Amino acid sequence: MLVLTRRSGESVMIGDDVVITVLEARGDVVRLGIEAPRDVQVHREEVYRELQEANRAAASPPEDAVHALTRMLEKPDPDE
């Protein structure tokens, strides 16, 4: 992990397109401004983790749907 010290108004560059600027620091709270291209998603960590979990849940079919599909595939064809 890279650890930097920045004062209010100072920035950090990530690659060529992302700029993070310290807007304000009060005690243990820091306000950051982030400039990034529209195709770069920027989320707070807790929001990012919730999105990842929601995506995983949406990609996994419910157990009863899996069992129903398995039963359908196991039925013999009446024309055989």
PDB file of N, CA and C in Angstrom:
ATOM      1  N   MET A   1       0.849  -1.172   0.000  1.00  0.00           N
ATOM      2  CA  MET A   1       0.000   0.000   0.000  1.00  0.00           C
ATOM      3  C   MET A   1       0.894   1.234   0.000  1.00  0.00           C
ATOM      4  N   LEU A   2       0.599   2.132  -0.893  1.00  0.00           N
ATOM      5  CA  LEU A   2       1.290   3.414  -0.939  1.00  0.00           C
ATOM      6  C   LEU A   2       0.618   4.343   0.056  1.00  0.00           C
ATOM      7  N   VAL A   3       1.399   4.969   0.931  1.00  0.00           N
ATOM      8  CA  VAL A   3       0.871   5.904   1.918  1.00  0.00           C
ATOM      9  C   VAL A   3       1.425   7.281   1.611  1.00  0.00           C
ATOM     10  N   LEU A   4       0.530   8.250   1.429  1.00  0.00           N
ATOM     11  CA  LEU A   4       0.920   9.605   1.091  1.00  0.00           C
ATOM     12  C   LEU A   4       0.362  10.591   2.107  1.00  0.00           C
ATOM     13  N   THR A   5       1.021  11.696   2.256  1.00  0.00           N
ATOM     14  CA  THR A   5       0.506  12.796   3.059  1.00  0.00           C
ATOM     15  C   THR A   5       0.140  13.923   2.110  1.00  0.00           C
ATOM     16  N   ARG A   6      -1.077  14.403   2.198  1.00  0.00           N
ATOM     17  CA  ARG A   6      -1.551  15.492   1.349  1.00  0.00           C
ATOM     18  C   ARG A   6      -2.274  16.494   2.233  1.00  0.00           C
ATOM     19  N   ARG A   7      -2.185  17.750   1.872  1.00  0.00           N
ATOM     20  CA  ARG A   7      -2.910  18.798   2.573  1.00  0.00           C
ATOM     21  C   ARG A   7      -4.128  19.192   1.745  1.00  0.00           C
ATOM     22  N   SER A   8      -5.013  19.950   2.360  1.00  0.00           N
ATOM     23  CA  SER A   8      -6.194  20.433   1.663  1.00  0.00           C
ATOM     24  C   SER A   8      -5.778  21.179   0.399  1.00  0.00           C
ATOM     25  N   GLY A   9      -6.421  20.826  -0.715  1.00  0.00           N
ATOM     26  CA  GLY A   9      -6.099  21.447  -1.998  1.00  0.00           C
ATOM     27  C   GLY A   9      -5.067  20.684  -2.807  1.00  0.00           C
ATOM     28  N   GLU A  10      -4.376  19.728  -2.188  1.00  0.00           N
ATOM     29  CA  GLU A  10      -3.375  18.936  -2.903  1.00  0.00           C
ATOM     30  C   GLU A  10      -4.038  17.682  -3.484  1.00  0.00           C
ATOM     31  N   SER A  11      -3.417  17.156  -4.537  1.00  0.00           N
ATOM     32  CA  SER A  11      -4.020  16.045  -5.274  1.00  0.00           C
ATOM     33  C   SER A  11      -3.066  14.871  -5.418  1.00  0.00           C
ATOM     34  N   VAL A  12      -3.659  13.751  -5.844  1.00  0.00           N
ATOM     35  CA  VAL A  12      -2.923  12.540  -6.191  1.00  0.00           C
ATOM     36  C   VAL A  12      -3.430  12.114  -7.560  1.00  0.00           C
ATOM     37  N   MET A  13      -2.526  11.745  -8.447  1.00  0.00           N
ATOM     38  CA  MET A  13      -2.897  11.255  -9.777  1.00  0.00           C
ATOM     39  C   MET A  13      -2.852   9.730  -9.770  1.00  0.00           C
ATOM     40  N   ILE A  14      -3.875   9.117 -10.366  1.00  0.00           N
ATOM     41  CA  ILE A  14      -3.882   7.670 -10.571  1.00  0.00           C
ATOM     42  C   ILE A  14      -3.971   7.470 -12.079  1.00  0.00           C
ATOM     43  N   GLY A  15      -2.901   6.953 -12.653  1.00  0.00           N
ATOM     44  CA  GLY A  15      -2.835   6.852 -14.113  1.00  0.00           C
ATOM     45  C   GLY A  15      -2.843   8.243 -14.708  1.00  0.00           C
ATOM     46  N   ASP A  16      -3.348   8.347 -15.939  1.00  0.00           N
ATOM     47  CA  ASP A  16      -3.395   9.636 -16.618  1.00  0.00           C
ATOM     48  C   ASP A  16      -4.727  10.347 -16.454  1.00  0.00           C
ATOM     49  N   ASP A  17      -5.759   9.625 -15.986  1.00  0.00           N
ATOM     50  CA  ASP A  17      -7.115  10.161 -16.054  1.00  0.00           C
ATOM     51  C   ASP A  17      -7.817  10.384 -14.722  1.00  0.00           C
ATOM     52  N   VAL A  18      -7.271   9.891 -13.628  1.00  0.00           N
ATOM     53  CA  VAL A  18      -7.968   9.998 -12.350  1.00  0.00           C
ATOM     54  C   VAL A  18      -7.187  10.922 -11.417  1.00  0.00           C
ATOM     55  N   VAL A  19      -7.903  11.933 -10.903  1.00  0.00           N
ATOM     56  CA  VAL A  19      -7.297  12.890  -9.969  1.00  0.00           C
ATOM     57  C   VAL A  19      -8.111  12.864  -8.688  1.00  0.00           C
ATOM     58  N   ILE A  20      -7.437  12.652  -7.569  1.00  0.00           N
ATOM     59  CA  ILE A  20      -8.087  12.685  -6.252  1.00  0.00           C
ATOM     60  C   ILE A  20      -7.526  13.889  -5.512  1.00  0.00           C
ATOM     61  N   THR A  21      -8.424  14.788  -5.109  1.00  0.00           N
ATOM     62  CA  THR A  21      -8.014  16.021  -4.443  1.00  0.00           C
ATOM     63  C   THR A  21      -8.567  16.046  -3.025  1.00  0.00           C
ATOM     64  N   VAL A  22      -7.726  16.395  -2.067  1.00  0.00           N
ATOM     65  CA  VAL A  22      -8.175  16.569  -0.684  1.00  0.00           C
ATOM     66  C   VAL A  22      -8.889  17.915  -0.636  1.00  0.00           C
ATOM     67  N   LEU A  23     -10.188  17.890  -0.339  1.00  0.00           N
ATOM     68  CA  LEU A  23     -10.956  19.123  -0.270  1.00  0.00           C
ATOM     69  C   LEU A  23     -10.924  19.730   1.124  1.00  0.00           C
ATOM     70  N   GLU A  24     -10.974  18.841   2.129  1.00  0.00           N
ATOM     71  CA  GLU A  24     -11.039  19.310   3.498  1.00  0.00           C
ATOM     72  C   GLU A  24     -10.641  18.172   4.434  1.00  0.00           C
ATOM     73  N   ALA A  25      -9.969  18.512   5.516  1.00  0.00           N
ATOM     74  CA  ALA A  25      -9.632  17.533   6.544  1.00  0.00           C
ATOM     75  C   ALA A  25      -9.957  18.142   7.903  1.00  0.00           C
ATOM     76  N   ARG A  26     -10.841  17.469   8.632  1.00  0.00           N
ATOM     77  CA  ARG A  26     -11.216  17.916   9.985  1.00  0.00           C
ATOM     78  C   ARG A  26     -11.150  16.721  10.914  1.00  0.00           C
ATOM     79  N   GLY A  27     -10.216  16.736  11.821  1.00  0.00           N
ATOM     80  CA  GLY A  27     -10.072  15.620  12.755  1.00  0.00           C
ATOM     81  C   GLY A  27      -9.835  14.330  11.994  1.00  0.00           C
ATOM     82  N   ASP A  28     -10.721  13.354  12.185  1.00  0.00           N
ATOM     83  CA  ASP A  28     -10.541  12.067  11.508  1.00  0.00           C
ATOM     84  C   ASP A  28     -11.430  11.926  10.268  1.00  0.00           C
ATOM     85  N   VAL A  29     -11.976  13.054   9.774  1.00  0.00           N
ATOM     86  CA  VAL A  29     -12.816  13.042   8.573  1.00  0.00           C
ATOM     87  C   VAL A  29     -12.106  13.802   7.458  1.00  0.00           C
ATOM     88  N   VAL A  30     -12.035  13.176   6.304  1.00  0.00           N
ATOM     89  CA  VAL A  30     -11.394  13.789   5.137  1.00  0.00           C
ATOM     90  C   VAL A  30     -12.400  13.806   4.000  1.00  0.00           C
ATOM     91  N   ARG A  31     -12.578  14.962   3.363  1.00  0.00           N
ATOM     92  CA  ARG A  31     -13.439  15.054   2.179  1.00  0.00           C
ATOM     93  C   ARG A  31     -12.541  15.030   0.955  1.00  0.00           C
ATOM     94  N   LEU A  32     -12.872  14.136   0.031  1.00  0.00           N
ATOM     95  CA  LEU A  32     -12.091  13.971  -1.189  1.00  0.00           C
ATOM     96  C   LEU A  32     -12.945  14.330  -2.399  1.00  0.00           C
ATOM     97  N   GLY A  33     -12.299  14.910  -3.398  1.00  0.00           N
ATOM     98  CA  GLY A  33     -12.942  15.129  -4.688  1.00  0.00           C
ATOM     99  C   GLY A  33     -12.269  14.204  -5.688  1.00  0.00           C
ATOM    100  N   ILE A  34     -13.059  13.527  -6.507  1.00  0.00           N
ATOM    101  CA  ILE A  34     -12.503  12.560  -7.450  1.00  0.00           C
ATOM    102  C   ILE A  34     -12.941  12.931  -8.856  1.00  0.00           C
ATOM    103  N   GLU A  35     -11.971  13.137  -9.717  1.00  0.00           N
ATOM    104  CA  GLU A  35     -12.248  13.385 -11.133  1.00  0.00           C
ATOM    105  C   GLU A  35     -11.790  12.152 -11.895  1.00  0.00           C
ATOM    106  N   ALA A  36     -12.733  11.547 -12.635  1.00  0.00           N
ATOM    107  CA  ALA A  36     -12.427  10.339 -13.397  1.00  0.00           C
ATOM    108  C   ALA A  36     -13.297  10.317 -14.640  1.00  0.00           C
ATOM    109  N   PRO A  37     -12.839   9.625 -15.683  1.00  0.00           N
ATOM    110  CA  PRO A  37     -13.679   9.488 -16.869  1.00  0.00           C
ATOM    111  C   PRO A  37     -14.990   8.774 -16.518  1.00  0.00           C
ATOM    112  N   ARG A  38     -16.028   9.010 -17.308  1.00  0.00           N
ATOM    113  CA  ARG A  38     -17.336   8.415 -17.036  1.00  0.00           C
ATOM    114  C   ARG A  38     -17.303   6.894 -17.036  1.00  0.00           C
ATOM    115  N   ASP A  39     -16.381   6.303 -17.791  1.00  0.00           N
ATOM    116  CA  ASP A  39     -16.332   4.838 -17.853  1.00  0.00           C
ATOM    117  C   ASP A  39     -15.596   4.216 -16.667  1.00  0.00           C
ATOM    118  N   VAL A  40     -15.079   5.037 -15.765  1.00  0.00           N
ATOM    119  CA  VAL A  40     -14.423   4.533 -14.555  1.00  0.00           C
ATOM    120  C   VAL A  40     -15.417   4.638 -13.408  1.00  0.00           C
ATOM    121  N   GLN A  41     -15.790   3.497 -12.843  1.00  0.00           N
ATOM    122  CA  GLN A  41     -16.730   3.506 -11.728  1.00  0.00           C
ATOM    123  C   GLN A  41     -16.004   3.901 -10.448  1.00  0.00           C
ATOM    124  N   VAL A  42     -16.623   4.783  -9.677  1.00  0.00           N
ATOM    125  CA  VAL A  42     -16.067   5.225  -8.405  1.00  0.00           C
ATOM    126  C   VAL A  42     -17.138   5.015  -7.346  1.00  0.00           C
ATOM    127  N   HIS A  43     -16.841   4.199  -6.341  1.00  0.00           N
ATOM    128  CA  HIS A  43     -17.784   3.895  -5.267  1.00  0.00           C
ATOM    129  C   HIS A  43     -17.055   3.930  -3.934  1.00  0.00           C
ATOM    130  N   ARG A  44     -17.802   4.222  -2.876  1.00  0.00           N
ATOM    131  CA  ARG A  44     -17.265   3.986  -1.536  1.00  0.00           C
ATOM    132  C   ARG A  44     -17.124   2.476  -1.393  1.00  0.00           C
ATOM    133  N   GLU A  45     -16.160   2.038  -0.585  1.00  0.00           N
ATOM    134  CA  GLU A  45     -15.887   0.600  -0.474  1.00  0.00           C
ATOM    135  C   GLU A  45     -17.116  -0.195  -0.050  1.00  0.00           C
ATOM    136  N   GLU A  46     -17.876   0.297   0.921  1.00  0.00           N
ATOM    137  CA  GLU A  46     -19.024  -0.465   1.399  1.00  0.00           C
ATOM    138  C   GLU A  46     -20.092  -0.589   0.310  1.00  0.00           C
ATOM    139  N   VAL A  47     -20.263   0.426  -0.520  1.00  0.00           N
ATOM    140  CA  VAL A  47     -21.211   0.354  -1.633  1.00  0.00           C
ATOM    141  C   VAL A  47     -20.712  -0.628  -2.679  1.00  0.00           C
ATOM    142  N   TYR A  48     -19.425  -0.583  -2.977  1.00  0.00           N
ATOM    143  CA  TYR A  48     -18.829  -1.503  -3.949  1.00  0.00           C
ATOM    144  C   TYR A  48     -19.041  -2.954  -3.520  1.00  0.00           C
ATOM    145  N   ARG A  49     -18.809  -3.244  -2.242  1.00  0.00           N
ATOM    146  CA  ARG A  49     -18.980  -4.612  -1.740  1.00  0.00           C
ATOM    147  C   ARG A  49     -20.445  -5.049  -1.822  1.00  0.00           C
ATOM    148  N   GLU A  50     -21.391  -4.146  -1.540  1.00  0.00           N
ATOM    149  CA  GLU A  50     -22.819  -4.478  -1.663  1.00  0.00           C
ATOM    150  C   GLU A  50     -23.177  -4.769  -3.119  1.00  0.00           C
ATOM    151  N   LEU A  51     -22.646  -3.985  -4.041  1.00  0.00           N
ATOM    152  CA  LEU A  51     -22.905  -4.217  -5.463  1.00  0.00           C
ATOM    153  C   LEU A  51     -22.363  -5.571  -5.900  1.00  0.00           C
ATOM    154  N   GLN A  52     -21.167  -5.918  -5.441  1.00  0.00           N
ATOM    155  CA  GLN A  52     -20.571  -7.204  -5.789  1.00  0.00           C
ATOM    156  C   GLN A  52     -21.432  -8.351  -5.275  1.00  0.00           C
ATOM    157  N   GLU A  53     -21.904  -8.236  -4.048  1.00  0.00           N
ATOM    158  CA  GLU A  53     -22.734  -9.298  -3.463  1.00  0.00           C
ATOM    159  C   GLU A  53     -24.063  -9.412  -4.207  1.00  0.00           C
ATOM    160  N   ALA A  54     -24.657  -8.279  -4.553  1.00  0.00           N
ATOM    161  CA  ALA A  54     -25.912  -8.301  -5.307  1.00  0.00           C
ATOM    162  C   ALA A  54     -25.700  -8.949  -6.675  1.00  0.00           C
ATOM    163  N   ASN A  55     -24.594  -8.662  -7.316  1.00  0.00           N
ATOM    164  CA  ASN A  55     -24.294  -9.268  -8.616  1.00  0.00           C
ATOM    165  C   ASN A  55     -24.108 -10.775  -8.486  1.00  0.00           C
ATOM    166  N   ARG A  56     -23.412 -11.210  -7.439  1.00  0.00           N
ATOM    167  CA  ARG A  56     -23.224 -12.648  -7.217  1.00  0.00           C
ATOM    168  C   ARG A  56     -24.569 -13.333  -6.982  1.00  0.00           C
ATOM    169  N   ALA A  57     -25.416 -12.703  -6.184  1.00  0.00           N
ATOM    170  CA  ALA A  57     -26.727 -13.293  -5.888  1.00  0.00           C
ATOM    171  C   ALA A  57     -27.585 -13.365  -7.154  1.00  0.00           C
ATOM    172  N   ALA A  58     -27.521 -12.344  -7.984  1.00  0.00           N
ATOM    173  CA  ALA A  58     -28.323 -12.332  -9.214  1.00  0.00           C
ATOM    174  C   ALA A  58     -27.826 -13.371 -10.213  1.00  0.00           C
ATOM    175  N   ALA A  59     -26.538 -13.665 -10.172  1.00  0.00           N
ATOM    176  CA  ALA A  59     -25.961 -14.628 -11.107  1.00  0.00           C
ATOM    177  C   ALA A  59     -26.194 -16.073 -10.672  1.00  0.00           C
ATOM    178  N   SER A  60     -26.580 -16.282  -9.432  1.00  0.00           N
ATOM    179  CA  SER A  60     -26.813 -17.630  -8.912  1.00  0.00           C
ATOM    180  C   SER A  60     -28.309 -17.899  -8.874  1.00  0.00           C
ATOM    181  N   PRO A  61     -28.773 -18.873  -9.640  1.00  0.00           N
ATOM    182  CA  PRO A  61     -30.210 -19.170  -9.614  1.00  0.00           C
ATOM    183  C   PRO A  61     -30.602 -19.751  -8.259  1.00  0.00           C
ATOM    184  N   PRO A  62     -31.837 -19.534  -7.841  1.00  0.00           N
ATOM    185  CA  PRO A  62     -32.289 -20.110  -6.576  1.00  0.00           C
ATOM    186  C   PRO A  62     -32.246 -21.636  -6.634  1.00  0.00           C
ATOM    187  N   GLU A  63     -32.020 -22.267  -5.502  1.00  0.00           N
ATOM    188  CA  GLU A  63     -31.905 -23.732  -5.433  1.00  0.00           C
ATOM    189  C   GLU A  63     -33.120 -24.430  -6.015  1.00  0.00           C
ATOM    190  N   ASP A  64     -34.342 -23.953  -5.708  1.00  0.00           N
ATOM    191  CA  ASP A  64     -35.535 -24.636  -6.205  1.00  0.00           C
ATOM    192  C   ASP A  64     -35.609 -24.579  -7.730  1.00  0.00           C
ATOM    193  N   ALA A  65     -35.114 -23.501  -8.337  1.00  0.00           N
ATOM    194  CA  ALA A  65     -35.107 -23.406  -9.794  1.00  0.00           C
ATOM    195  C   ALA A  65     -34.124 -24.419 -10.387  1.00  0.00           C
ATOM    196  N   VAL A  66     -32.999 -24.614  -9.733  1.00  0.00           N
ATOM    197  CA  VAL A  66     -32.013 -25.585 -10.206  1.00  0.00           C
ATOM    198  C   VAL A  66     -32.598 -26.987 -10.137  1.00  0.00           C
ATOM    199  N   HIS A  67     -33.258 -27.305  -9.018  1.00  0.00           N
ATOM    200  CA  HIS A  67     -33.853 -28.635  -8.872  1.00  0.00           C
ATOM    201  C   HIS A  67     -34.969 -28.864  -9.888  1.00  0.00           C
ATOM    202  N   ALA A  68     -35.803 -27.851 -10.120  1.00  0.00           N
ATOM    203  CA  ALA A  68     -36.890 -27.982 -11.086  1.00  0.00           C
ATOM    204  C   ALA A  68     -36.337 -28.214 -12.487  1.00  0.00           C
ATOM    205  N   LEU A  69     -35.295 -27.487 -12.841  1.00  0.00           N
ATOM    206  CA  LEU A  69     -34.691 -27.662 -14.161  1.00  0.00           C
ATOM    207  C   LEU A  69     -34.071 -29.049 -14.293  1.00  0.00           C
ATOM    208  N   THR A  70     -33.428 -29.503 -13.239  1.00  0.00           N
ATOM    209  CA  THR A  70     -32.822 -30.840 -13.263  1.00  0.00           C
ATOM    210  C   THR A  70     -33.896 -31.907 -13.460  1.00  0.00           C
ATOM    211  N   ARG A  71     -35.023 -31.785 -12.744  1.00  0.00           N
ATOM    212  CA  ARG A  71     -36.111 -32.746 -12.896  1.00  0.00           C
ATOM    213  C   ARG A  71     -36.665 -32.726 -14.320  1.00  0.00           C
ATOM    214  N   MET A  72     -36.797 -31.543 -14.897  1.00  0.00           N
ATOM    215  CA  MET A  72     -37.317 -31.420 -16.267  1.00  0.00           C
ATOM    216  C   MET A  72     -36.378 -32.124 -17.250  1.00  0.00           C
ATOM    217  N   LEU A  73     -35.102 -31.980 -17.041  1.00  0.00           N
ATOM    218  CA  LEU A  73     -34.128 -32.571 -17.955  1.00  0.00           C
ATOM    219  C   LEU A  73     -34.049 -34.083 -17.780  1.00  0.00           C
ATOM    220  N   GLU A  74     -34.400 -34.586 -16.619  1.00  0.00           N
ATOM    221  CA  GLU A  74     -34.329 -36.023 -16.376  1.00  0.00           C
ATOM    222  C   GLU A  74     -35.577 -36.768 -16.849  1.00  0.00           C
ATOM    223  N   LYS A  75     -36.675 -36.071 -17.138  1.00  0.00           N
ATOM    224  CA  LYS A  75     -37.900 -36.750 -17.583  1.00  0.00           C
ATOM    225  C   LYS A  75     -37.648 -37.428 -18.922  1.00  0.00           C
ATOM    226  N   PRO A  76     -38.098 -38.676 -19.052  1.00  0.00           N
ATOM    227  CA  PRO A  76     -37.932 -39.346 -20.325  1.00  0.00           C
ATOM    228  C   PRO A  76     -38.833 -38.738 -21.389  1.00  0.00           C
ATOM    229  N   ASP A  77     -38.375 -38.755 -22.608  1.00  0.00           N
ATOM    230  CA  ASP A  77     -39.148 -38.246 -23.743  1.00  0.00           C
ATOM    231  C   ASP A  77     -40.246 -39.247 -24.068  1.00  0.00           C
ATOM    232  N   PRO A  78     -41.537 -38.830 -24.092  1.00  0.00           N
ATOM    233  CA  PRO A  78     -42.648 -39.779 -24.339  1.00  0.00           C
ATOM    234  C   PRO A  78     -42.618 -40.361 -25.753  1.00  0.00           C
ATOM    235  N   ASP A  79     -41.923 -39.738 -26.679  1.00  0.00           N
ATOM    236  CA  ASP A  79     -41.862 -40.247 -28.057  1.00  0.00           C
ATOM    237  C   ASP A  79     -40.803 -41.324 -28.261  1.00  0.00           C
ATOM    238  N   GLU A  80     -40.025 -41.586 -27.225  1.00  0.00           N
ATOM    239  CA  GLU A  80     -38.957 -42.587 -27.363  1.00  0.00           C
ATOM    240  C   GLU A  80     -39.471 -43.988 -27.149  1.00  0.00           C
TER     241      GLU A  80
END
